[in-house]
């Protein structure tokens, strides 16, 4: 998966994939072969954290 440089675009893509295709951040990262830590770090830098119960970054 291509990881956009714009963190807000990344937020939109990740939340869409979590909503439409994946039951957890772990399954998304495993399936798309991307670094969970990188996603968390990038989205935390703009004030978003992963909520496991809602399965989205809020």
PDB file of N, CA and C in Angstrom:
ATOM      1  N   UNK A   1       0.840  -1.182   0.000  1.00  0.00           N
ATOM      2  CA  UNK A   1       0.000   0.000   0.000  1.00  0.00           C
ATOM      3  C   UNK A   1       0.880   1.239   0.000  1.00  0.00           C
ATOM      4  N   UNK A   2       0.529   2.187  -0.820  1.00  0.00           N
ATOM      5  CA  UNK A   2       1.208   3.477  -0.863  1.00  0.00           C
ATOM      6  C   UNK A   2       0.784   4.282   0.371  1.00  0.00           C
ATOM      7  N   UNK A   3       1.758   4.846   1.083  1.00  0.00           N
ATOM      8  CA  UNK A   3       1.470   5.672   2.246  1.00  0.00           C
ATOM      9  C   UNK A   3       1.640   7.136   1.846  1.00  0.00           C
ATOM     10  N   UNK A   4       0.538   7.886   1.802  1.00  0.00           N
ATOM     11  CA  UNK A   4       0.622   9.289   1.407  1.00  0.00           C
ATOM     12  C   UNK A   4       1.488  10.095   2.372  1.00  0.00           C
ATOM     13  N   UNK A   5       2.155  11.113   1.859  1.00  0.00           N
ATOM     14  CA  UNK A   5       2.951  12.006   2.694  1.00  0.00           C
ATOM     15  C   UNK A   5       2.061  12.933   3.521  1.00  0.00           C
ATOM     16  N   UNK A   6       0.903  13.260   3.001  1.00  0.00           N
ATOM     17  CA  UNK A   6      -0.044  14.110   3.723  1.00  0.00           C
ATOM     18  C   UNK A   6      -0.756  13.258   4.777  1.00  0.00           C
ATOM     19  N   UNK A   7      -0.555  13.607   6.037  1.00  0.00           N
ATOM     20  CA  UNK A   7      -1.109  12.794   7.122  1.00  0.00           C
ATOM     21  C   UNK A   7      -2.633  12.815   7.180  1.00  0.00           C
ATOM     22  N   UNK A   8      -3.251  13.887   6.717  1.00  0.00           N
ATOM     23  CA  UNK A   8      -4.718  13.931   6.699  1.00  0.00           C
ATOM     24  C   UNK A   8      -5.286  13.021   5.606  1.00  0.00           C
ATOM     25  N   UNK A   9      -4.583  12.919   4.495  1.00  0.00           N
ATOM     26  CA  UNK A   9      -4.982  11.979   3.446  1.00  0.00           C
ATOM     27  C   UNK A   9      -4.809  10.545   3.961  1.00  0.00           C
ATOM     28  N   UNK A  10      -3.711  10.311   4.666  1.00  0.00           N
ATOM     29  CA  UNK A  10      -3.473   8.993   5.264  1.00  0.00           C
ATOM     30  C   UNK A  10      -4.594   8.644   6.237  1.00  0.00           C
ATOM     31  N   UNK A  11      -4.990   9.581   7.069  1.00  0.00           N
ATOM     32  CA  UNK A  11      -6.085   9.364   8.014  1.00  0.00           C
ATOM     33  C   UNK A  11      -7.352   8.928   7.290  1.00  0.00           C
ATOM     34  N   UNK A  12      -7.678   9.634   6.237  1.00  0.00           N
ATOM     35  CA  UNK A  12      -8.878   9.322   5.468  1.00  0.00           C
ATOM     36  C   UNK A  12      -8.818   7.918   4.873  1.00  0.00           C
ATOM     37  N   UNK A  13      -7.688   7.569   4.290  1.00  0.00           N
ATOM     38  CA  UNK A  13      -7.538   6.254   3.659  1.00  0.00           C
ATOM     39  C   UNK A  13      -7.586   5.135   4.697  1.00  0.00           C
ATOM     40  N   UNK A  14      -6.846   5.315   5.784  1.00  0.00           N
ATOM     41  CA  UNK A  14      -6.806   4.272   6.809  1.00  0.00           C
ATOM     42  C   UNK A  14      -8.185   4.061   7.426  1.00  0.00           C
ATOM     43  N   UNK A  15      -8.865   5.137   7.796  1.00  0.00           N
ATOM     44  CA  UNK A  15     -10.200   4.980   8.386  1.00  0.00           C
ATOM     45  C   UNK A  15     -11.187   4.370   7.401  1.00  0.00           C
ATOM     46  N   UNK A  16     -11.076   4.707   6.123  1.00  0.00           N
ATOM     47  CA  UNK A  16     -11.952   4.103   5.121  1.00  0.00           C
ATOM     48  C   UNK A  16     -11.694   2.593   5.030  1.00  0.00           C
ATOM     49  N   UNK A  17     -10.428   2.212   4.982  1.00  0.00           N
ATOM     50  CA  UNK A  17     -10.098   0.785   4.898  1.00  0.00           C
ATOM     51  C   UNK A  17     -10.539   0.047   6.150  1.00  0.00           C
ATOM     52  N   UNK A  18     -10.361   0.662   7.316  1.00  0.00           N
ATOM     53  CA  UNK A  18     -10.811   0.033   8.560  1.00  0.00           C
ATOM     54  C   UNK A  18     -12.325  -0.139   8.559  1.00  0.00           C
ATOM     55  N   UNK A  19     -13.026   0.848   8.089  1.00  0.00           N
ATOM     56  CA  UNK A  19     -14.489   0.798   8.053  1.00  0.00           C
ATOM     57  C   UNK A  19     -14.999  -0.239   7.046  1.00  0.00           C
ATOM     58  N   UNK A  20     -14.385  -0.258   5.869  1.00  0.00           N
ATOM     59  CA  UNK A  20     -14.931  -1.064   4.771  1.00  0.00           C
ATOM     60  C   UNK A  20     -14.358  -2.468   4.645  1.00  0.00           C
ATOM     61  N   UNK A  21     -13.126  -2.686   5.119  1.00  0.00           N
ATOM     62  CA  UNK A  21     -12.475  -3.942   4.764  1.00  0.00           C
ATOM     63  C   UNK A  21     -11.786  -4.703   5.894  1.00  0.00           C
ATOM     64  N   UNK A  22     -11.487  -4.060   6.996  1.00  0.00           N
ATOM     65  CA  UNK A  22     -10.668  -4.707   8.020  1.00  0.00           C
ATOM     66  C   UNK A  22     -11.298  -4.587   9.399  1.00  0.00           C
ATOM     67  N   UNK A  23     -11.165  -5.638  10.172  1.00  0.00           N
ATOM     68  CA  UNK A  23     -11.745  -5.664  11.515  1.00  0.00           C
ATOM     69  C   UNK A  23     -10.811  -5.091  12.572  1.00  0.00           C
ATOM     70  N   UNK A  24      -9.559  -4.819  12.201  1.00  0.00           N
ATOM     71  CA  UNK A  24      -8.613  -4.248  13.166  1.00  0.00           C
ATOM     72  C   UNK A  24      -7.446  -3.601  12.425  1.00  0.00           C
ATOM     73  N   UNK A  25      -6.734  -2.750  13.142  1.00  0.00           N
ATOM     74  CA  UNK A  25      -5.541  -2.125  12.578  1.00  0.00           C
ATOM     75  C   UNK A  25      -4.473  -3.177  12.294  1.00  0.00           C
ATOM     76  N   UNK A  26      -4.369  -4.166  13.162  1.00  0.00           N
ATOM     77  CA  UNK A  26      -3.395  -5.242  12.940  1.00  0.00           C
ATOM     78  C   UNK A  26      -3.665  -5.984  11.640  1.00  0.00           C
ATOM     79  N   UNK A  27      -4.912  -6.316  11.386  1.00  0.00           N
ATOM     80  CA  UNK A  27      -5.223  -7.051  10.153  1.00  0.00           C
ATOM     81  C   UNK A  27      -4.975  -6.190   8.916  1.00  0.00           C
ATOM     82  N   UNK A  28      -5.274  -4.906   8.990  1.00  0.00           N
ATOM     83  CA  UNK A  28      -4.995  -4.003   7.869  1.00  0.00           C
ATOM     84  C   UNK A  28      -3.497  -3.960   7.591  1.00  0.00           C
ATOM     85  N   UNK A  29      -2.700  -3.757   8.635  1.00  0.00           N
ATOM     86  CA  UNK A  29      -1.248  -3.640   8.453  1.00  0.00           C
ATOM     87  C   UNK A  29      -0.639  -4.936   7.948  1.00  0.00           C
ATOM     88  N   UNK A  30      -1.104  -6.059   8.467  1.00  0.00           N
ATOM     89  CA  UNK A  30      -0.598  -7.351   7.995  1.00  0.00           C
ATOM     90  C   UNK A  30      -0.955  -7.583   6.535  1.00  0.00           C
ATOM     91  N   UNK A  31      -2.188  -7.325   6.189  1.00  0.00           N
ATOM     92  CA  UNK A  31      -2.653  -7.575   4.831  1.00  0.00           C
ATOM     93  C   UNK A  31      -2.011  -6.627   3.810  1.00  0.00           C
ATOM     94  N   UNK A  32      -1.862  -5.365   4.192  1.00  0.00           N
ATOM     95  CA  UNK A  32      -1.322  -4.355   3.274  1.00  0.00           C
ATOM     96  C   UNK A  32       0.198  -4.241   3.363  1.00  0.00           C
ATOM     97  N   UNK A  33       0.805  -5.011   4.260  1.00  0.00           N
ATOM     98  CA  UNK A  33       2.260  -5.017   4.459  1.00  0.00           C
ATOM     99  C   UNK A  33       2.802  -3.615   4.736  1.00  0.00           C
ATOM    100  N   UNK A  34       2.198  -2.984   5.746  1.00  0.00           N
ATOM    101  CA  UNK A  34       2.649  -1.659   6.165  1.00  0.00           C
ATOM    102  C   UNK A  34       2.968  -1.688   7.659  1.00  0.00           C
ATOM    103  N   UNK A  35       3.766  -0.741   8.103  1.00  0.00           N
ATOM    104  CA  UNK A  35       4.199  -0.676   9.490  1.00  0.00           C
ATOM    105  C   UNK A  35       3.116  -0.042  10.360  1.00  0.00           C
ATOM    106  N   UNK A  36       2.645  -0.809  11.332  1.00  0.00           N
ATOM    107  CA  UNK A  36       1.649  -0.304  12.273  1.00  0.00           C
ATOM    108  C   UNK A  36       2.217   0.882  13.045  1.00  0.00           C
ATOM    109  N   UNK A  37       3.458   0.784  13.456  1.00  0.00           N
ATOM    110  CA  UNK A  37       4.094   1.848  14.225  1.00  0.00           C
ATOM    111  C   UNK A  37       4.182   3.147  13.413  1.00  0.00           C
ATOM    112  N   UNK A  38       4.493   3.015  12.123  1.00  0.00           N
ATOM    113  CA  UNK A  38       4.578   4.199  11.263  1.00  0.00           C
ATOM    114  C   UNK A  38       3.222   4.883  11.137  1.00  0.00           C
ATOM    115  N   UNK A  39       2.176   4.107  10.947  1.00  0.00           N
ATOM    116  CA  UNK A  39       0.820   4.657  10.829  1.00  0.00           C
ATOM    117  C   UNK A  39       0.434   5.360  12.129  1.00  0.00           C
ATOM    118  N   UNK A  40       0.648   4.688  13.250  1.00  0.00           N
ATOM    119  CA  UNK A  40       0.299   5.263  14.550  1.00  0.00           C
ATOM    120  C   UNK A  40       1.065   6.558  14.790  1.00  0.00           C
ATOM    121  N   UNK A  41       2.357   6.562  14.499  1.00  0.00           N
ATOM    122  CA  UNK A  41       3.189   7.748  14.709  1.00  0.00           C
ATOM    123  C   UNK A  41       2.740   8.913  13.840  1.00  0.00           C
ATOM    124  N   UNK A  42       2.491   8.642  12.565  1.00  0.00           N
ATOM    125  CA  UNK A  42       2.082   9.703  11.640  1.00  0.00           C
ATOM    126  C   UNK A  42       0.739  10.304  12.055  1.00  0.00           C
ATOM    127  N   UNK A  43      -0.201   9.460  12.438  1.00  0.00           N
ATOM    128  CA  UNK A  43      -1.521   9.976  12.782  1.00  0.00           C
ATOM    129  C   UNK A  43      -1.540  10.607  14.173  1.00  0.00           C
ATOM    130  N   UNK A  44      -0.692  10.135  15.064  1.00  0.00           N
ATOM    131  CA  UNK A  44      -0.577  10.759  16.381  1.00  0.00           C
ATOM    132  C   UNK A  44      -0.030  12.182  16.248  1.00  0.00           C
ATOM    133  N   UNK A  45       0.823  12.411  15.242  1.00  0.00           N
ATOM    134  CA  UNK A  45       1.412  13.737  15.044  1.00  0.00           C
ATOM    135  C   UNK A  45       0.370  14.791  14.664  1.00  0.00           C
ATOM    136  N   UNK A  46      -0.801  14.354  14.196  1.00  0.00           N
ATOM    137  CA  UNK A  46      -1.877  15.301  13.884  1.00  0.00           C
ATOM    138  C   UNK A  46      -3.036  15.165  14.873  1.00  0.00           C
ATOM    139  N   UNK A  47      -2.765  14.474  15.992  1.00  0.00           N
ATOM    140  CA  UNK A  47      -3.744  14.429  17.070  1.00  0.00           C
ATOM    141  C   UNK A  47      -4.732  13.283  17.040  1.00  0.00           C
ATOM    142  N   UNK A  48      -4.460  12.237  16.271  1.00  0.00           N
ATOM    143  CA  UNK A  48      -5.384  11.111  16.174  1.00  0.00           C
ATOM    144  C   UNK A  48      -4.762   9.865  16.781  1.00  0.00           C
ATOM    145  N   UNK A  49      -5.585   9.120  17.525  1.00  0.00           N
ATOM    146  CA  UNK A  49      -5.162   7.863  18.134  1.00  0.00           C
ATOM    147  C   UNK A  49      -6.128   6.771  17.726  1.00  0.00           C
ATOM    148  N   UNK A  50      -5.619   5.545  17.659  1.00  0.00           N
ATOM    149  CA  UNK A  50      -6.453   4.411  17.270  1.00  0.00           C
ATOM    150  C   UNK A  50      -7.345   4.002  18.433  1.00  0.00           C
ATOM    151  N   UNK A  51      -8.627   3.869  18.158  1.00  0.00           N
ATOM    152  CA  UNK A  51      -9.590   3.385  19.133  1.00  0.00           C
ATOM    153  C   UNK A  51      -9.995   1.979  18.705  1.00  0.00           C
ATOM    154  N   UNK A  52      -9.564   0.996  19.488  1.00  0.00           N
ATOM    155  CA  UNK A  52      -9.790  -0.402  19.141  1.00  0.00           C
ATOM    156  C   UNK A  52     -11.290  -0.746  19.112  1.00  0.00           C
ATOM    157  N   UNK A  53     -12.055  -0.216  20.065  1.00  0.00           N
ATOM    158  CA  UNK A  53     -13.483  -0.528  20.123  1.00  0.00           C
ATOM    159  C   UNK A  53     -14.241  -0.010  18.898  1.00  0.00           C
ATOM    160  N   UNK A  54     -13.867   1.188  18.439  1.00  0.00           N
ATOM    161  CA  UNK A  54     -14.519   1.775  17.270  1.00  0.00           C
ATOM    162  C   UNK A  54     -13.836   1.374  15.961  1.00  0.00           C
ATOM    163  N   UNK A  55     -12.629   0.808  16.074  1.00  0.00           N
ATOM    164  CA  UNK A  55     -11.839   0.414  14.916  1.00  0.00           C
ATOM    165  C   UNK A  55     -11.628   1.579  13.955  1.00  0.00           C
ATOM    166  N   UNK A  56     -11.201   2.693  14.539  1.00  0.00           N
ATOM    167  CA  UNK A  56     -10.870   3.868  13.727  1.00  0.00           C
ATOM    168  C   UNK A  56      -9.968   4.803  14.505  1.00  0.00           C
ATOM    169  N   UNK A  57      -9.346   5.710  13.786  1.00  0.00           N
ATOM    170  CA  UNK A  57      -8.555   6.752  14.418  1.00  0.00           C
ATOM    171  C   UNK A  57      -9.480   7.916  14.720  1.00  0.00           C
ATOM    172  N   UNK A  58      -9.448   8.368  15.974  1.00  0.00           N
ATOM    173  CA  UNK A  58     -10.300   9.484  16.387  1.00  0.00           C
ATOM    174  C   UNK A  58      -9.462  10.523  17.118  1.00  0.00           C
TER     175      UNK A  58
END
